[in-house]
Amino acid sequence: MDGVIGFFQDLGPNLQILFDRSPQILQGLQITVLATILGGLLALLISFVFGIAQVVKFSAVRVVARIFVEFFRGTSLVVQLFWLAFVLPALPYPFGFQLEPLLIGVLALGLNYGAYGAEVVRGSIGSVPKGQYEAISALSLSPARGMFRIVIPQAWALMLPSLSNLWIQLLKGSAIVGTVSLYDLFFQVEQVRDRTGTWFAYLFALLAYYLIAWVIVIIMNGLEIRAKHKIGRGPALSSSWRALFQAPGANTKEGAVA
């Protein structure tokens, strides 16, 4: 109870401290957003490459893809980050080299969450009705062309809710990049905490990360609505703007009714 009372008593001075450190906080926010976007794009690329590789006909490709996915899913993100930051530079030439802190964070996030995303892509491709594969043969399309023209557009609509959740998890996981001398949002919050106390600093952190996650949800919901509309399973984005603010995948029922 005393902590709550103290929180409100110190609210004015703490807000002033937050305002005074706003340049550093904005810089940390920029790094967090940049790591989240670049890590997310790398994770998306890895998701498609290794997700599709797991369903191709060549067994050797499937085995390599499966080993990659299981390795990065089965090892800790923190260990992967530290390996890139501290072990890789210590390896003998020509295998060892030093990476920039931002690149380390992006690689660790992209590889780890890309492995999880690959399972989402594989599962979504497997969920496409078998009749669509028969359509590929009926249209005399090559397997690769049929995959990208018929299967992937339908699987894309199915995988977007799960990819949205993964992107939000990646955002929250980006807080570990401060351990490799990258002064992200969470690092700046820690500096504020030294002067304001725990209540205020971590409440600000919760709100800041929530707002970024909310933007991600809006973007991914927009992509989901658009993807379903393109395959005839839902309304156009212009007529269902309210669904942008729902939880990931919540507009599925709306699309099915439409």
C-alpha atoms as a PDB file:
ATOM      1  CA  MET A   1       0.000   0.000   0.000  1.00  0.00           C
ATOM      2  CA  ASP A   2       2.822   2.369   0.839  1.00  0.00           C
ATOM      3  CA  GLY A   3       4.337   1.648  -2.565  1.00  0.00           C
ATOM      4  CA  VAL A   4       1.113   2.641  -4.328  1.00  0.00           C
ATOM      5  CA  ILE A   5       0.855   5.875  -2.322  1.00  0.00           C
ATOM      6  CA  GLY A   6       4.496   6.654  -3.051  1.00  0.00           C
ATOM      7  CA  PHE A   7       3.893   6.039  -6.746  1.00  0.00           C
ATOM      8  CA  PHE A   8       1.282   8.796  -6.912  1.00  0.00           C
ATOM      9  CA  GLN A   9       3.255  11.139  -4.688  1.00  0.00           C
ATOM     10  CA  ASP A  10       6.308  10.877  -6.927  1.00  0.00           C
ATOM     11  CA  LEU A  11       4.366  10.892 -10.196  1.00  0.00           C
ATOM     12  CA  GLY A  12       5.164  14.530 -11.029  1.00  0.00           C
ATOM     13  CA  PRO A  13       8.953  14.294 -10.460  1.00  0.00           C
ATOM     14  CA  ASN A  14       9.070  10.921 -12.227  1.00  0.00           C
ATOM     15  CA  LEU A  15       7.306  12.311 -15.284  1.00  0.00           C
ATOM     16  CA  GLN A  16       9.849  15.132 -15.332  1.00  0.00           C
ATOM     17  CA  ILE A  17      12.704  12.585 -15.238  1.00  0.00           C
ATOM     18  CA  LEU A  18      11.025  10.699 -18.081  1.00  0.00           C
ATOM     19  CA  PHE A  19      10.716  13.931 -20.068  1.00  0.00           C
ATOM     20  CA  ASP A  20      14.360  14.844 -19.427  1.00  0.00           C
ATOM     21  CA  ARG A  21      15.491  11.463 -20.726  1.00  0.00           C
ATOM     22  CA  SER A  22      13.092  11.461 -23.688  1.00  0.00           C
ATOM     23  CA  PRO A  23      15.913  11.750 -26.305  1.00  0.00           C
ATOM     24  CA  GLN A  24      17.571   8.593 -24.963  1.00  0.00           C
ATOM     25  CA  ILE A  25      14.212   6.813 -24.648  1.00  0.00           C
ATOM     26  CA  LEU A  26      13.292   7.701 -28.226  1.00  0.00           C
ATOM     27  CA  GLN A  27      16.666   6.423 -29.371  1.00  0.00           C
ATOM     28  CA  GLY A  28      16.065   3.173 -27.492  1.00  0.00           C
ATOM     29  CA  LEU A  29      12.573   2.949 -28.987  1.00  0.00           C
ATOM     30  CA  GLN A  30      14.056   3.385 -32.447  1.00  0.00           C
ATOM     31  CA  ILE A  31      16.500   0.526 -31.859  1.00  0.00           C
ATOM     32  CA  THR A  32      13.735  -1.743 -30.513  1.00  0.00           C
ATOM     33  CA  VAL A  33      11.478  -1.011 -33.490  1.00  0.00           C
ATOM     34  CA  LEU A  34      14.350  -1.477 -35.943  1.00  0.00           C
ATOM     35  CA  ALA A  35      15.392  -4.800 -34.375  1.00  0.00           C
ATOM     36  CA  THR A  36      11.747  -5.941 -34.377  1.00  0.00           C
ATOM     37  CA  ILE A  37      11.150  -5.023 -38.029  1.00  0.00           C
ATOM     38  CA  LEU A  38      14.436  -6.379 -39.385  1.00  0.00           C
ATOM     39  CA  GLY A  39      14.282  -9.475 -37.176  1.00  0.00           C
ATOM     40  CA  GLY A  40      10.685 -10.035 -38.252  1.00  0.00           C
ATOM     41  CA  LEU A  41      11.535  -9.745 -41.952  1.00  0.00           C
ATOM     42  CA  LEU A  42      14.442 -12.165 -41.572  1.00  0.00           C
ATOM     43  CA  ALA A  43      12.217 -14.548 -39.603  1.00  0.00           C
ATOM     44  CA  LEU A  44       9.558 -14.357 -42.353  1.00  0.00           C
ATOM     45  CA  LEU A  45      12.142 -15.169 -45.023  1.00  0.00           C
ATOM     46  CA  ILE A  46      13.492 -18.103 -43.014  1.00  0.00           C
ATOM     47  CA  SER A  47       9.931 -19.272 -42.289  1.00  0.00           C
ATOM     48  CA  PHE A  48       9.067 -19.551 -45.971  1.00  0.00           C
ATOM     49  CA  VAL A  49      12.386 -21.029 -47.092  1.00  0.00           C
ATOM     50  CA  PHE A  50      12.499 -23.769 -44.458  1.00  0.00           C
ATOM     51  CA  GLY A  51       8.730 -24.208 -44.231  1.00  0.00           C
ATOM     52  CA  ILE A  52       8.453 -24.952 -47.938  1.00  0.00           C
ATOM     53  CA  ALA A  53      11.665 -27.001 -47.840  1.00  0.00           C
ATOM     54  CA  GLN A  54       9.983 -29.366 -45.381  1.00  0.00           C
ATOM     55  CA  VAL A  55       7.241 -30.291 -47.866  1.00  0.00           C
ATOM     56  CA  VAL A  56       9.270 -30.714 -51.073  1.00  0.00           C
ATOM     57  CA  LYS A  57       9.691 -34.134 -52.691  1.00  0.00           C
ATOM     58  CA  PHE A  58      13.450 -34.367 -52.185  1.00  0.00           C
ATOM     59  CA  SER A  59      14.127 -36.150 -48.907  1.00  0.00           C
ATOM     60  CA  ALA A  60      17.618 -34.653 -48.514  1.00  0.00           C
ATOM     61  CA  VAL A  61      16.175 -31.128 -48.585  1.00  0.00           C
ATOM     62  CA  ARG A  62      13.489 -32.092 -46.076  1.00  0.00           C
ATOM     63  CA  VAL A  63      16.063 -33.598 -43.700  1.00  0.00           C
ATOM     64  CA  VAL A  64      18.326 -30.518 -43.823  1.00  0.00           C
ATOM     65  CA  ALA A  65      15.358 -28.199 -43.265  1.00  0.00           C
ATOM     66  CA  ARG A  66      14.120 -30.305 -40.363  1.00  0.00           C
ATOM     67  CA  ILE A  67      17.525 -30.294 -38.675  1.00  0.00           C
ATOM     68  CA  PHE A  68      17.728 -26.515 -39.012  1.00  0.00           C
ATOM     69  CA  VAL A  69      14.236 -25.973 -37.576  1.00  0.00           C
ATOM     70  CA  GLU A  70      14.699 -28.335 -34.659  1.00  0.00           C
ATOM     71  CA  PHE A  71      18.128 -26.922 -33.807  1.00  0.00           C
ATOM     72  CA  PHE A  72      16.996 -23.299 -33.551  1.00  0.00           C
ATOM     73  CA  ARG A  73      13.699 -24.223 -31.887  1.00  0.00           C
ATOM     74  CA  GLY A  74      15.423 -26.491 -29.397  1.00  0.00           C
ATOM     75  CA  THR A  75      18.166 -24.103 -28.262  1.00  0.00           C
ATOM     76  CA  SER A  76      17.794 -20.972 -26.173  1.00  0.00           C
ATOM     77  CA  LEU A  77      17.515 -17.560 -27.825  1.00  0.00           C
ATOM     78  CA  VAL A  78      19.866 -16.173 -25.172  1.00  0.00           C
ATOM     79  CA  VAL A  79      22.488 -18.836 -25.946  1.00  0.00           C
ATOM     80  CA  GLN A  80      22.169 -18.160 -29.676  1.00  0.00           C
ATOM     81  CA  LEU A  81      22.604 -14.432 -29.063  1.00  0.00           C
ATOM     82  CA  PHE A  82      25.668 -14.964 -26.862  1.00  0.00           C
ATOM     83  CA  TRP A  83      27.149 -17.415 -29.370  1.00  0.00           C
ATOM     84  CA  LEU A  84      26.923 -14.814 -32.147  1.00  0.00           C
ATOM     85  CA  ALA A  85      28.271 -12.069 -29.873  1.00  0.00           C
ATOM     86  CA  PHE A  86      31.064 -13.845 -27.985  1.00  0.00           C
ATOM     87  CA  VAL A  87      31.835 -17.285 -29.463  1.00  0.00           C
ATOM     88  CA  LEU A  88      31.814 -16.409 -33.159  1.00  0.00           C
ATOM     89  CA  PRO A  89      34.541 -13.718 -32.854  1.00  0.00           C
ATOM     90  CA  ALA A  90      36.738 -16.171 -30.895  1.00  0.00           C
ATOM     91  CA  LEU A  91      36.715 -18.833 -33.627  1.00  0.00           C
ATOM     92  CA  PRO A  92      39.933 -19.264 -35.648  1.00  0.00           C
ATOM     93  CA  TYR A  93      40.306 -17.572 -39.020  1.00  0.00           C
ATOM     94  CA  PRO A  94      38.465 -17.681 -41.428  1.00  0.00           C
ATOM     95  CA  PHE A  95      35.449 -18.820 -39.392  1.00  0.00           C
ATOM     96  CA  GLY A  96      35.578 -16.178 -36.689  1.00  0.00           C
ATOM     97  CA  PHE A  97      34.504 -12.566 -37.249  1.00  0.00           C
ATOM     98  CA  GLN A  98      32.943  -9.718 -35.297  1.00  0.00           C
ATOM     99  CA  LEU A  99      29.396  -8.566 -35.997  1.00  0.00           C
ATOM    100  CA  GLU A 100      27.747  -5.255 -35.195  1.00  0.00           C
ATOM    101  CA  PRO A 101      25.448  -5.394 -32.122  1.00  0.00           C
ATOM    102  CA  LEU A 102      22.316  -4.606 -34.156  1.00  0.00           C
ATOM    103  CA  LEU A 103      23.164  -7.321 -36.683  1.00  0.00           C
ATOM    104  CA  ILE A 104      23.715  -9.782 -33.832  1.00  0.00           C
ATOM    105  CA  GLY A 105      20.290  -9.014 -32.418  1.00  0.00           C
ATOM    106  CA  VAL A 106      18.571  -9.222 -35.806  1.00  0.00           C
ATOM    107  CA  LEU A 107      20.255 -12.537 -36.660  1.00  0.00           C
ATOM    108  CA  ALA A 108      19.445 -14.114 -33.300  1.00  0.00           C
ATOM    109  CA  LEU A 109      15.805 -13.009 -33.423  1.00  0.00           C
ATOM    110  CA  GLY A 110      15.388 -13.931 -37.082  1.00  0.00           C
ATOM    111  CA  LEU A 111      16.937 -17.396 -36.766  1.00  0.00           C
ATOM    112  CA  ASN A 112      15.086 -18.315 -33.579  1.00  0.00           C
ATOM    113  CA  TYR A 113      11.625 -17.072 -34.483  1.00  0.00           C
ATOM    114  CA  GLY A 114      12.111 -18.037 -38.130  1.00  0.00           C
ATOM    115  CA  ALA A 115      12.444 -21.657 -36.997  1.00  0.00           C
ATOM    116  CA  TYR A 116       9.096 -21.408 -35.211  1.00  0.00           C
ATOM    117  CA  GLY A 117       7.612 -19.643 -38.223  1.00  0.00           C
ATOM    118  CA  ALA A 118       8.790 -22.442 -40.506  1.00  0.00           C
ATOM    119  CA  GLU A 119       6.517 -24.814 -38.603  1.00  0.00           C
ATOM    120  CA  VAL A 120       3.638 -22.381 -39.080  1.00  0.00           C
ATOM    121  CA  VAL A 121       4.281 -22.269 -42.826  1.00  0.00           C
ATOM    122  CA  ARG A 122       4.608 -26.058 -43.061  1.00  0.00           C
ATOM    123  CA  GLY A 123       1.399 -26.611 -41.102  1.00  0.00           C
ATOM    124  CA  SER A 124      -0.531 -24.022 -43.122  1.00  0.00           C
ATOM    125  CA  ILE A 125       0.558 -25.568 -46.412  1.00  0.00           C
ATOM    126  CA  GLY A 126      -0.567 -28.944 -45.090  1.00  0.00           C
ATOM    127  CA  SER A 127      -3.968 -27.457 -44.193  1.00  0.00           C
ATOM    128  CA  VAL A 128      -4.748 -26.443 -47.782  1.00  0.00           C
ATOM    129  CA  PRO A 129      -7.445 -28.834 -49.109  1.00  0.00           C
ATOM    130  CA  LYS A 130      -6.141 -31.738 -51.179  1.00  0.00           C
ATOM    131  CA  GLY A 131      -8.400 -30.697 -54.032  1.00  0.00           C
ATOM    132  CA  GLN A 132      -6.198 -27.683 -54.631  1.00  0.00           C
ATOM    133  CA  TYR A 133      -3.260 -29.961 -55.384  1.00  0.00           C
ATOM    134  CA  GLU A 134      -5.450 -31.842 -57.845  1.00  0.00           C
ATOM    135  CA  ALA A 135      -6.215 -28.514 -59.488  1.00  0.00           C
ATOM    136  CA  ILE A 136      -2.485 -27.988 -60.048  1.00  0.00           C
ATOM    137  CA  SER A 137      -2.344 -31.216 -62.060  1.00  0.00           C
ATOM    138  CA  ALA A 138      -5.571 -30.376 -63.906  1.00  0.00           C
ATOM    139  CA  LEU A 139      -4.135 -27.007 -64.971  1.00  0.00           C
ATOM    140  CA  SER A 140      -0.861 -28.666 -66.042  1.00  0.00           C
ATOM    141  CA  LEU A 141       1.151 -26.438 -63.746  1.00  0.00           C
ATOM    142  CA  SER A 142       4.595 -27.399 -62.554  1.00  0.00           C
ATOM    143  CA  PRO A 143       4.829 -28.226 -58.816  1.00  0.00           C
ATOM    144  CA  ALA A 144       6.781 -25.016 -58.103  1.00  0.00           C
ATOM    145  CA  ARG A 145       4.396 -22.802 -60.069  1.00  0.00           C
ATOM    146  CA  GLY A 146       1.351 -24.477 -58.548  1.00  0.00           C
ATOM    147  CA  MET A 147       2.797 -24.033 -55.074  1.00  0.00           C
ATOM    148  CA  PHE A 148       3.269 -20.281 -55.465  1.00  0.00           C
ATOM    149  CA  ARG A 149       0.161 -19.546 -57.532  1.00  0.00           C
ATOM    150  CA  ILE A 150      -2.429 -21.788 -55.842  1.00  0.00           C
ATOM    151  CA  VAL A 151      -1.216 -23.240 -52.531  1.00  0.00           C
ATOM    152  CA  ILE A 152       0.782 -20.380 -51.001  1.00  0.00           C
ATOM    153  CA  PRO A 153      -1.952 -17.694 -51.438  1.00  0.00           C
ATOM    154  CA  GLN A 154      -4.394 -19.896 -49.513  1.00  0.00           C
ATOM    155  CA  ALA A 155      -1.824 -20.956 -46.918  1.00  0.00           C
ATOM    156  CA  TRP A 156      -0.812 -17.300 -46.431  1.00  0.00           C
ATOM    157  CA  ALA A 157      -4.304 -16.439 -45.208  1.00  0.00           C
ATOM    158  CA  LEU A 158      -4.201 -19.395 -42.796  1.00  0.00           C
ATOM    159  CA  MET A 159      -0.766 -18.645 -41.356  1.00  0.00           C
ATOM    160  CA  LEU A 160      -1.159 -14.895 -40.725  1.00  0.00           C
ATOM    161  CA  PRO A 161      -2.766 -15.151 -37.233  1.00  0.00           C
ATOM    162  CA  SER A 162       0.054 -17.399 -36.016  1.00  0.00           C
ATOM    163  CA  LEU A 163       2.708 -15.223 -37.663  1.00  0.00           C
ATOM    164  CA  SER A 164       1.155 -12.207 -35.953  1.00  0.00           C
ATOM    165  CA  ASN A 165       1.546 -13.871 -32.570  1.00  0.00           C
ATOM    166  CA  LEU A 166       5.142 -14.808 -33.413  1.00  0.00           C
ATOM    167  CA  TRP A 167       5.953 -11.216 -34.378  1.00  0.00           C
ATOM    168  CA  ILE A 168       4.620  -9.980 -31.057  1.00  0.00           C
ATOM    169  CA  GLN A 169       6.699 -12.629 -29.269  1.00  0.00           C
ATOM    170  CA  LEU A 170       9.715 -11.427 -31.264  1.00  0.00           C
ATOM    171  CA  LEU A 171       9.036  -7.861 -30.109  1.00  0.00           C
ATOM    172  CA  LYS A 172       9.048  -8.991 -26.482  1.00  0.00           C
ATOM    173  CA  GLY A 173      12.118 -11.138 -27.094  1.00  0.00           C
ATOM    174  CA  SER A 174      13.967  -8.120 -28.498  1.00  0.00           C
ATOM    175  CA  ALA A 175      14.480  -6.897 -24.915  1.00  0.00           C
ATOM    176  CA  ILE A 176      17.476  -9.239 -24.638  1.00  0.00           C
ATOM    177  CA  VAL A 177      19.502  -7.309 -27.231  1.00  0.00           C
ATOM    178  CA  GLY A 178      20.572  -4.948 -24.451  1.00  0.00           C
ATOM    179  CA  THR A 179      22.866  -7.726 -23.206  1.00  0.00           C
ATOM    180  CA  VAL A 180      25.118  -7.210 -26.255  1.00  0.00           C
ATOM    181  CA  SER A 181      25.610  -3.460 -25.748  1.00  0.00           C
ATOM    182  CA  LEU A 182      22.603  -2.433 -27.816  1.00  0.00           C
ATOM    183  CA  TYR A 183      20.836   0.395 -26.016  1.00  0.00           C
ATOM    184  CA  ASP A 184      17.254  -0.530 -26.783  1.00  0.00           C
ATOM    185  CA  LEU A 185      14.027   0.586 -25.130  1.00  0.00           C
ATOM    186  CA  PHE A 186      14.322  -1.816 -22.201  1.00  0.00           C
ATOM    187  CA  PHE A 187      17.897  -0.698 -21.530  1.00  0.00           C
ATOM    188  CA  GLN A 188      16.734   2.921 -21.373  1.00  0.00           C
ATOM    189  CA  VAL A 189      13.882   1.924 -19.056  1.00  0.00           C
ATOM    190  CA  GLU A 190      16.457   0.381 -16.730  1.00  0.00           C
ATOM    191  CA  GLN A 191      18.295   3.714 -16.634  1.00  0.00           C
ATOM    192  CA  VAL A 192      15.053   5.485 -15.738  1.00  0.00           C
ATOM    193  CA  ARG A 193      14.369   2.910 -13.010  1.00  0.00           C
ATOM    194  CA  ASP A 194      17.571   3.890 -11.215  1.00  0.00           C
ATOM    195  CA  ARG A 195      16.070   7.361 -10.647  1.00  0.00           C
ATOM    196  CA  THR A 196      12.319   6.769 -10.486  1.00  0.00           C
ATOM    197  CA  GLY A 197      11.957   3.366  -8.828  1.00  0.00           C
ATOM    198  CA  THR A 198      10.429   0.122 -10.016  1.00  0.00           C
ATOM    199  CA  TRP A 199       6.724   0.979 -10.161  1.00  0.00           C
ATOM    200  CA  PHE A 200       6.952   3.900 -12.537  1.00  0.00           C
ATOM    201  CA  ALA A 201       9.690   2.565 -14.843  1.00  0.00           C
ATOM    202  CA  TYR A 202       8.182  -0.858 -15.427  1.00  0.00           C
ATOM    203  CA  LEU A 203       4.670   0.523 -15.827  1.00  0.00           C
ATOM    204  CA  PHE A 204       6.030   2.777 -18.558  1.00  0.00           C
ATOM    205  CA  ALA A 205       7.766  -0.239 -20.135  1.00  0.00           C
ATOM    206  CA  LEU A 206       4.518  -2.229 -20.111  1.00  0.00           C
ATOM    207  CA  LEU A 207       2.628   0.575 -21.855  1.00  0.00           C
ATOM    208  CA  ALA A 208       5.386   1.207 -24.396  1.00  0.00           C
ATOM    209  CA  TYR A 209       5.673  -2.425 -25.461  1.00  0.00           C
ATOM    210  CA  TYR A 210       1.888  -2.790 -25.496  1.00  0.00           C
ATOM    211  CA  LEU A 211       1.520   0.149 -27.892  1.00  0.00           C
ATOM    212  CA  ILE A 212       4.114  -1.297 -30.262  1.00  0.00           C
ATOM    213  CA  ALA A 213       2.390  -4.696 -30.118  1.00  0.00           C
ATOM    214  CA  TRP A 214      -0.941  -3.007 -30.859  1.00  0.00           C
ATOM    215  CA  VAL A 215       0.514  -1.507 -34.042  1.00  0.00           C
ATOM    216  CA  ILE A 216       1.740  -4.974 -35.055  1.00  0.00           C
ATOM    217  CA  VAL A 217      -1.752  -6.416 -34.495  1.00  0.00           C
ATOM    218  CA  ILE A 218      -3.304  -3.722 -36.710  1.00  0.00           C
ATOM    219  CA  ILE A 219      -0.809  -4.359 -39.515  1.00  0.00           C
ATOM    220  CA  MET A 220      -1.203  -8.138 -39.387  1.00  0.00           C
ATOM    221  CA  ASN A 221      -4.995  -7.981 -39.189  1.00  0.00           C
ATOM    222  CA  GLY A 222      -4.971  -5.766 -42.275  1.00  0.00           C
ATOM    223  CA  LEU A 223      -2.824  -8.317 -44.118  1.00  0.00           C
ATOM    224  CA  GLU A 224      -5.103 -11.148 -42.990  1.00  0.00           C
ATOM    225  CA  ILE A 225      -8.272  -9.405 -44.171  1.00  0.00           C
ATOM    226  CA  ARG A 226      -6.650  -8.572 -47.503  1.00  0.00           C
ATOM    227  CA  ALA A 227      -5.333 -12.124 -47.979  1.00  0.00           C
ATOM    228  CA  LYS A 228      -8.755 -13.692 -47.291  1.00  0.00           C
ATOM    229  CA  HIS A 229     -10.486 -11.229 -49.596  1.00  0.00           C
ATOM    230  CA  LYS A 230      -8.098 -12.095 -52.447  1.00  0.00           C
ATOM    231  CA  ILE A 231      -9.050 -15.775 -52.241  1.00  0.00           C
ATOM    232  CA  GLY A 232     -12.767 -15.015 -51.848  1.00  0.00           C
ATOM    233  CA  ARG A 233     -13.105 -15.853 -48.151  1.00  0.00           C
ATOM    234  CA  GLY A 234     -13.933 -12.469 -46.675  1.00  0.00           C
ATOM    235  CA  PRO A 235     -14.869  -8.837 -47.269  1.00  0.00           C
ATOM    236  CA  ALA A 236     -12.548  -6.139 -48.572  1.00  0.00           C
ATOM    237  CA  LEU A 237     -10.404  -4.216 -46.120  1.00  0.00           C
ATOM    238  CA  SER A 238     -12.317  -1.009 -46.820  1.00  0.00           C
ATOM    239  CA  SER A 239     -15.578  -2.562 -45.562  1.00  0.00           C
ATOM    240  CA  SER A 240     -14.200  -4.284 -42.448  1.00  0.00           C
ATOM    241  CA  TRP A 241     -11.923  -1.704 -40.845  1.00  0.00           C
ATOM    242  CA  ARG A 242     -13.201  -2.537 -37.334  1.00  0.00           C
ATOM    243  CA  ALA A 243     -11.563  -5.967 -37.597  1.00  0.00           C
ATOM    244  CA  LEU A 244      -8.162  -4.254 -37.667  1.00  0.00           C
ATOM    245  CA  PHE A 245      -8.414  -3.667 -33.924  1.00  0.00           C
ATOM    246  CA  GLN A 246      -9.427  -7.221 -32.980  1.00  0.00           C
ATOM    247  CA  ALA A 247      -7.160  -9.980 -31.715  1.00  0.00           C
ATOM    248  CA  PRO A 248      -5.175 -11.862 -34.387  1.00  0.00           C
ATOM    249  CA  GLY A 249      -7.447 -14.272 -36.262  1.00  0.00           C
ATOM    250  CA  ALA A 250     -10.624 -12.816 -34.733  1.00  0.00           C
ATOM    251  CA  ASN A 251     -11.921 -11.794 -38.146  1.00  0.00           C
ATOM    252  CA  THR A 252     -12.000 -15.419 -39.318  1.00  0.00           C
ATOM    253  CA  LYS A 253     -15.643 -15.829 -38.352  1.00  0.00           C
ATOM    254  CA  GLU A 254     -16.515 -12.568 -40.096  1.00  0.00           C
ATOM    255  CA  GLY A 255     -14.859 -13.785 -43.283  1.00  0.00           C
ATOM    256  CA  ALA A 256     -16.628 -17.133 -43.102  1.00  0.00           C
ATOM    257  CA  VAL A 257     -20.036 -15.488 -42.721  1.00  0.00           C
ATOM    258  CA  ALA A 258     -19.337 -13.151 -45.584  1.00  0.00           C
END
